[in-house]
Amino acid sequence: MPPRKVDPEARLRKICMSFPQTTERLSHSMPTWFFKDKKSFLMLMMHGHHQNQFPHFWCAAGPGVQEDLIASAPDQFFRPPYVGGRGWVAVRLDRKPDWAIIERLCAEAYRVVSGRA
């Protein structure tokens, strides 16, 4: 039996919507998750964005996380435009992503934006 294909958008939606006071809406034509409908913590680019023409997402990250992830796996993580200067990190979804790591990154992004421990 062939492996089941993962729908990254559905999977990210399930993860992000599990956090309290989270909403989803399009922002810049992309699915985006917000805390209290005000502060975004994750944006999904299923069809790429500018020079990065592959599925990926950007998420908020704590101090030093962006640099550590990029240094540890530059083929999987990169500094996104616009929000990269604020510490956000971009995660490729086209290279067999580790969903356990993605779940932790989503939780961290939510925590950073919401201020909840």
N, C-alpha and C. Protein backbone atom coordinates (compact mmCIF):
# COMPACT_ATOMS: atom_id res chain seq x y z
N MET A 1 0.84 -1.17 0.00
CA MET A 1 0.00 0.00 0.00
C MET A 1 0.89 1.24 0.00
N PRO A 2 0.64 2.20 -0.92
CA PRO A 2 1.48 3.41 -0.97
C PRO A 2 1.25 4.28 0.25
N PRO A 3 2.28 5.05 0.64
CA PRO A 3 2.12 5.93 1.80
C PRO A 3 1.05 6.98 1.54
N ARG A 4 0.34 7.33 2.58
CA ARG A 4 -0.72 8.33 2.48
C ARG A 4 -0.11 9.71 2.27
N LYS A 5 -0.63 10.43 1.30
CA LYS A 5 -0.14 11.78 1.02
C LYS A 5 -0.66 12.75 2.08
N VAL A 6 0.23 13.55 2.62
CA VAL A 6 -0.11 14.51 3.66
C VAL A 6 -0.52 15.83 3.00
N ASP A 7 -1.64 16.40 3.44
CA ASP A 7 -2.07 17.71 2.99
C ASP A 7 -1.52 18.73 3.99
N PRO A 8 -0.44 19.43 3.64
CA PRO A 8 0.18 20.35 4.61
C PRO A 8 -0.77 21.42 5.13
N GLU A 9 -1.64 21.95 4.27
CA GLU A 9 -2.55 22.99 4.72
C GLU A 9 -3.52 22.46 5.77
N ALA A 10 -4.09 21.30 5.51
CA ALA A 10 -5.02 20.70 6.49
C ALA A 10 -4.30 20.36 7.79
N ARG A 11 -3.10 19.87 7.67
CA ARG A 11 -2.34 19.50 8.88
C ARG A 11 -1.99 20.74 9.71
N LEU A 12 -1.52 21.80 9.05
CA LEU A 12 -1.20 23.03 9.78
C LEU A 12 -2.46 23.64 10.39
N ARG A 13 -3.57 23.58 9.65
CA ARG A 13 -4.83 24.11 10.17
C ARG A 13 -5.22 23.37 11.45
N LYS A 14 -5.12 22.07 11.45
CA LYS A 14 -5.47 21.27 12.63
C LYS A 14 -4.59 21.64 13.83
N ILE A 15 -3.30 21.78 13.58
CA ILE A 15 -2.36 22.13 14.65
C ILE A 15 -2.69 23.53 15.19
N CYS A 16 -2.73 24.51 14.30
CA CYS A 16 -2.91 25.90 14.73
C CYS A 16 -4.26 26.15 15.38
N MET A 17 -5.30 25.55 14.85
CA MET A 17 -6.64 25.78 15.41
C MET A 17 -6.83 25.09 16.76
N SER A 18 -5.89 24.26 17.16
CA SER A 18 -5.98 23.63 18.49
C SER A 18 -5.57 24.59 19.61
N PHE A 19 -4.96 25.71 19.26
CA PHE A 19 -4.52 26.67 20.27
C PHE A 19 -5.69 27.60 20.65
N PRO A 20 -5.83 27.94 21.93
CA PRO A 20 -6.93 28.81 22.36
C PRO A 20 -6.91 30.17 21.68
N GLN A 21 -8.09 30.68 21.40
CA GLN A 21 -8.29 32.02 20.84
C GLN A 21 -7.59 32.23 19.49
N THR A 22 -7.49 31.15 18.72
CA THR A 22 -6.89 31.22 17.39
C THR A 22 -7.97 31.34 16.34
N THR A 23 -7.71 32.19 15.36
CA THR A 23 -8.59 32.31 14.20
C THR A 23 -7.74 32.18 12.94
N GLU A 24 -8.42 31.88 11.86
CA GLU A 24 -7.75 31.78 10.56
C GLU A 24 -8.47 32.69 9.57
N ARG A 25 -7.69 33.37 8.76
CA ARG A 25 -8.25 34.12 7.65
C ARG A 25 -7.13 34.35 6.63
N LEU A 26 -7.52 34.75 5.45
CA LEU A 26 -6.54 35.06 4.43
C LEU A 26 -5.89 36.41 4.75
N SER A 27 -4.60 36.44 4.60
CA SER A 27 -3.84 37.68 4.72
C SER A 27 -2.85 37.67 3.56
N HIS A 28 -2.88 38.68 2.73
CA HIS A 28 -2.06 38.72 1.52
C HIS A 28 -2.35 37.48 0.65
N SER A 29 -3.62 37.06 0.64
CA SER A 29 -4.11 35.92 -0.14
C SER A 29 -3.57 34.57 0.34
N MET A 30 -3.06 34.51 1.56
CA MET A 30 -2.51 33.27 2.09
C MET A 30 -3.18 32.91 3.41
N PRO A 31 -3.40 31.61 3.65
CA PRO A 31 -3.95 31.21 4.95
C PRO A 31 -3.01 31.66 6.06
N THR A 32 -3.59 32.35 7.05
CA THR A 32 -2.80 32.90 8.15
C THR A 32 -3.55 32.66 9.44
N TRP A 33 -2.80 32.30 10.49
CA TRP A 33 -3.41 32.04 11.79
C TRP A 33 -3.03 33.16 12.75
N PHE A 34 -4.04 33.57 13.53
CA PHE A 34 -3.93 34.73 14.41
C PHE A 34 -4.30 34.36 15.84
N PHE A 35 -3.68 35.04 16.78
CA PHE A 35 -4.08 34.99 18.18
C PHE A 35 -5.02 36.16 18.42
N LYS A 36 -6.17 35.89 18.99
CA LYS A 36 -7.20 36.90 19.27
C LYS A 36 -7.55 37.73 18.04
N ASP A 37 -7.47 37.11 16.88
CA ASP A 37 -7.85 37.73 15.61
C ASP A 37 -7.04 38.99 15.30
N LYS A 38 -5.91 39.20 16.00
CA LYS A 38 -5.14 40.42 15.82
C LYS A 38 -3.69 40.16 15.44
N LYS A 39 -3.03 39.26 16.13
CA LYS A 39 -1.60 39.04 15.95
C LYS A 39 -1.35 37.74 15.20
N SER A 40 -0.76 37.84 14.02
CA SER A 40 -0.47 36.63 13.25
C SER A 40 0.72 35.89 13.85
N PHE A 41 0.64 34.56 13.78
CA PHE A 41 1.78 33.76 14.24
C PHE A 41 2.26 32.76 13.20
N LEU A 42 1.49 32.55 12.12
CA LEU A 42 1.92 31.62 11.08
C LEU A 42 1.21 31.95 9.77
N MET A 43 1.99 31.96 8.67
CA MET A 43 1.46 32.19 7.32
C MET A 43 1.91 31.05 6.42
N LEU A 44 1.00 30.55 5.60
CA LEU A 44 1.28 29.43 4.71
C LEU A 44 1.33 29.88 3.25
N MET A 45 2.39 29.50 2.56
CA MET A 45 2.55 29.79 1.13
C MET A 45 2.60 28.46 0.38
N MET A 46 1.45 27.93 0.01
CA MET A 46 1.41 26.62 -0.65
C MET A 46 1.97 26.65 -2.07
N HIS A 47 1.94 27.81 -2.71
CA HIS A 47 2.41 27.90 -4.09
C HIS A 47 3.66 28.76 -4.21
N GLY A 48 4.32 28.96 -3.10
CA GLY A 48 5.54 29.74 -3.11
C GLY A 48 5.28 31.23 -2.93
N HIS A 49 6.38 31.95 -2.83
CA HIS A 49 6.33 33.39 -2.60
C HIS A 49 7.62 33.99 -3.12
N HIS A 50 7.52 34.95 -4.00
CA HIS A 50 8.66 35.60 -4.63
C HIS A 50 9.64 34.56 -5.17
N GLN A 51 10.89 34.60 -4.73
CA GLN A 51 11.90 33.69 -5.28
C GLN A 51 11.79 32.27 -4.71
N ASN A 52 11.01 32.06 -3.69
CA ASN A 52 10.89 30.74 -3.06
C ASN A 52 9.64 30.04 -3.60
N GLN A 53 9.77 29.45 -4.77
CA GLN A 53 8.63 28.84 -5.45
C GLN A 53 8.46 27.37 -5.07
N PHE A 54 8.18 27.16 -3.80
CA PHE A 54 7.92 25.84 -3.25
C PHE A 54 7.04 26.04 -2.03
N PRO A 55 6.28 25.02 -1.63
CA PRO A 55 5.41 25.18 -0.46
C PRO A 55 6.24 25.38 0.82
N HIS A 56 5.83 26.37 1.62
CA HIS A 56 6.52 26.65 2.87
C HIS A 56 5.63 27.52 3.75
N PHE A 57 6.03 27.68 4.99
CA PHE A 57 5.33 28.60 5.88
C PHE A 57 6.32 29.43 6.64
N TRP A 58 5.84 30.58 7.13
CA TRP A 58 6.62 31.46 8.00
C TRP A 58 5.96 31.43 9.35
N CYS A 59 6.77 31.41 10.41
CA CYS A 59 6.18 31.46 11.75
C CYS A 59 7.05 32.28 12.69
N ALA A 60 6.39 32.85 13.69
CA ALA A 60 7.11 33.59 14.73
C ALA A 60 8.02 32.61 15.47
N ALA A 61 9.11 33.12 16.00
CA ALA A 61 10.04 32.27 16.76
C ALA A 61 10.70 33.11 17.85
N GLY A 62 11.10 32.43 18.90
CA GLY A 62 11.76 33.10 20.01
C GLY A 62 13.17 33.53 19.66
N PRO A 63 13.80 34.30 20.54
CA PRO A 63 15.16 34.79 20.29
C PRO A 63 16.13 33.64 20.01
N GLY A 64 16.88 33.78 18.92
CA GLY A 64 17.91 32.81 18.57
C GLY A 64 17.42 31.57 17.84
N VAL A 65 16.13 31.32 17.82
CA VAL A 65 15.60 30.10 17.19
C VAL A 65 15.85 30.11 15.69
N GLN A 66 15.55 31.24 15.05
CA GLN A 66 15.75 31.33 13.60
C GLN A 66 17.19 30.96 13.23
N GLU A 67 18.14 31.57 13.89
CA GLU A 67 19.56 31.33 13.58
C GLU A 67 19.94 29.87 13.84
N ASP A 68 19.47 29.31 14.94
CA ASP A 68 19.80 27.92 15.26
C ASP A 68 19.24 26.95 14.23
N LEU A 69 17.99 27.15 13.83
CA LEU A 69 17.37 26.25 12.86
C LEU A 69 18.06 26.35 11.50
N ILE A 70 18.32 27.56 11.05
CA ILE A 70 18.97 27.73 9.75
C ILE A 70 20.37 27.12 9.77
N ALA A 71 21.10 27.31 10.85
CA ALA A 71 22.45 26.74 10.96
C ALA A 71 22.40 25.21 10.99
N SER A 72 21.37 24.64 11.63
CA SER A 72 21.29 23.18 11.76
C SER A 72 20.79 22.49 10.50
N ALA A 73 19.94 23.17 9.70
CA ALA A 73 19.39 22.54 8.50
C ALA A 73 19.01 23.61 7.47
N PRO A 74 20.02 24.19 6.81
CA PRO A 74 19.74 25.28 5.86
C PRO A 74 18.93 24.84 4.64
N ASP A 75 18.83 23.55 4.38
CA ASP A 75 18.01 23.07 3.28
C ASP A 75 16.53 22.99 3.66
N GLN A 76 16.23 23.08 4.95
CA GLN A 76 14.85 22.97 5.45
C GLN A 76 14.31 24.31 5.98
N PHE A 77 15.20 25.14 6.54
CA PHE A 77 14.80 26.40 7.16
C PHE A 77 15.51 27.56 6.50
N PHE A 78 14.83 28.72 6.45
CA PHE A 78 15.48 29.92 5.90
C PHE A 78 14.84 31.16 6.51
N ARG A 79 15.51 32.27 6.30
CA ARG A 79 15.01 33.56 6.82
C ARG A 79 14.02 34.13 5.82
N PRO A 80 12.77 34.33 6.23
CA PRO A 80 11.78 34.84 5.29
C PRO A 80 11.91 36.35 5.08
N PRO A 81 11.47 36.82 3.91
CA PRO A 81 11.47 38.28 3.70
C PRO A 81 10.45 38.93 4.62
N TYR A 82 10.59 40.21 4.80
CA TYR A 82 9.68 41.06 5.58
C TYR A 82 9.75 40.80 7.08
N VAL A 83 9.47 39.58 7.53
CA VAL A 83 9.39 39.28 8.96
C VAL A 83 10.63 38.60 9.52
N GLY A 84 11.55 38.26 8.65
CA GLY A 84 12.79 37.60 9.10
C GLY A 84 13.59 38.45 10.06
N GLY A 85 13.55 39.76 9.88
CA GLY A 85 14.26 40.66 10.78
C GLY A 85 13.68 40.69 12.19
N ARG A 86 12.45 40.19 12.33
CA ARG A 86 11.82 40.11 13.66
C ARG A 86 11.98 38.72 14.26
N GLY A 87 12.82 37.88 13.63
CA GLY A 87 13.09 36.56 14.19
C GLY A 87 12.23 35.44 13.65
N TRP A 88 11.30 35.73 12.76
CA TRP A 88 10.46 34.68 12.19
C TRP A 88 11.34 33.74 11.37
N VAL A 89 10.88 32.51 11.22
CA VAL A 89 11.62 31.51 10.45
C VAL A 89 10.68 30.92 9.39
N ALA A 90 11.25 30.57 8.25
CA ALA A 90 10.49 29.92 7.19
C ALA A 90 10.87 28.44 7.16
N VAL A 91 9.86 27.60 6.88
CA VAL A 91 10.04 26.15 6.90
C VAL A 91 9.55 25.58 5.57
N ARG A 92 10.41 24.87 4.87
CA ARG A 92 10.03 24.23 3.61
C ARG A 92 9.13 23.03 3.91
N LEU A 93 8.14 22.84 3.03
CA LEU A 93 7.22 21.71 3.17
C LEU A 93 7.37 20.70 2.03
N ASP A 94 8.33 20.92 1.15
CA ASP A 94 8.49 20.06 -0.02
C ASP A 94 9.63 19.04 0.14
N ARG A 95 10.20 18.93 1.31
CA ARG A 95 11.35 18.05 1.52
C ARG A 95 11.13 17.10 2.70
N LYS A 96 10.00 16.41 2.69
CA LYS A 96 9.67 15.45 3.75
C LYS A 96 9.89 16.07 5.13
N PRO A 97 9.08 17.06 5.47
CA PRO A 97 9.27 17.73 6.76
C PRO A 97 8.98 16.80 7.94
N ASP A 98 9.65 17.07 9.02
CA ASP A 98 9.43 16.33 10.27
C ASP A 98 8.26 17.01 10.98
N TRP A 99 7.10 16.35 10.98
CA TRP A 99 5.90 16.98 11.53
C TRP A 99 5.95 17.13 13.05
N ALA A 100 6.74 16.36 13.72
CA ALA A 100 6.90 16.55 15.17
C ALA A 100 7.59 17.89 15.43
N ILE A 101 8.60 18.22 14.62
CA ILE A 101 9.29 19.51 14.74
C ILE A 101 8.33 20.63 14.35
N ILE A 102 7.57 20.43 13.29
CA ILE A 102 6.63 21.47 12.86
C ILE A 102 5.59 21.74 13.95
N GLU A 103 5.09 20.71 14.59
CA GLU A 103 4.14 20.92 15.69
C GLU A 103 4.75 21.75 16.80
N ARG A 104 6.01 21.48 17.14
CA ARG A 104 6.69 22.27 18.18
C ARG A 104 6.90 23.71 17.73
N LEU A 105 7.23 23.91 16.45
CA LEU A 105 7.41 25.27 15.94
C LEU A 105 6.10 26.04 15.96
N CYS A 106 5.01 25.39 15.61
CA CYS A 106 3.70 26.05 15.65
C CYS A 106 3.35 26.45 17.09
N ALA A 107 3.59 25.55 18.03
CA ALA A 107 3.31 25.85 19.43
C ALA A 107 4.19 27.00 19.92
N GLU A 108 5.45 27.01 19.51
CA GLU A 108 6.36 28.09 19.89
C GLU A 108 5.91 29.41 19.28
N ALA A 109 5.49 29.38 18.02
CA ALA A 109 5.02 30.60 17.35
C ALA A 109 3.81 31.16 18.08
N TYR A 110 2.89 30.29 18.44
CA TYR A 110 1.70 30.72 19.18
C TYR A 110 2.11 31.32 20.53
N ARG A 111 3.00 30.65 21.24
CA ARG A 111 3.45 31.13 22.55
C ARG A 111 4.14 32.49 22.44
N VAL A 112 4.99 32.66 21.44
CA VAL A 112 5.70 33.93 21.27
C VAL A 112 4.72 35.08 21.05
N VAL A 113 3.71 34.86 20.23
CA VAL A 113 2.77 35.92 19.90
C VAL A 113 1.74 36.13 21.01
N SER A 114 1.30 35.05 21.62
CA SER A 114 0.25 35.16 22.66
C SER A 114 0.80 35.54 24.03
N GLY A 115 2.10 35.26 24.25
CA GLY A 115 2.69 35.50 25.56
C GLY A 115 2.35 34.42 26.57
N ARG A 116 1.73 33.34 26.11
CA ARG A 116 1.35 32.24 27.01
C ARG A 116 2.45 31.22 27.12
N ALA A 117 2.66 30.74 28.30
CA ALA A 117 3.71 29.74 28.53
C ALA A 117 3.24 28.35 28.16
